[in-house]
Amino acid sequence: MSFLLLLMLVPLLLMMLFFNVATFSFSRLGMSQEGAFLFLTASIIGSLINIPLSRRRIQVYEPRVHPFSMFFFYYPPVVREQVIYLNVGGAGLPAVLSLYLLLSGRAPLLPTLFALLVVTVVAKMMARPKPGVGIVMP
């Protein structure tokens, strides 16, 4: 019985540890602990929200017949348009926080621009388009 209770509490304890570490990290940037917790919670909730930025029509190819198609009756859907989304929790809120830190003087300009350049180059080199998924990075 106690092992089952411990097994149920471990994910909760790990989640609390994650929130505490993240809150501490944000507080090192000058945010209050309440503000950091609010920002982290907003990021997690915002990760469920995607804002469409652009749409374009794509060419549709005929579905291929797979050798096991007689056993599995799943045919992938035919995609007729490609949509690029902005994830609020994963891109929008972190960009707003970064801009705030940069404009408030809490982040020095030259090291920030250098880090931005390095991350941009590495992400550009590693990003690969994957059909049906989008742009992925290993």
Foldseek 3Di string as FASTA:
>chain_A
DVVVVVVVCVVVVVVVVVLVVQLVVVVVLVDHSVVSSVLLVCLVVLQVDKAWDDKDFDDWDDFDDDPCCVVPVDTDDIDGMDTDIDRCSPHVSVVVVVVVSDVVVSDDDPVVVVVVVVVVVVCVVQWDQDPPPGIDGD
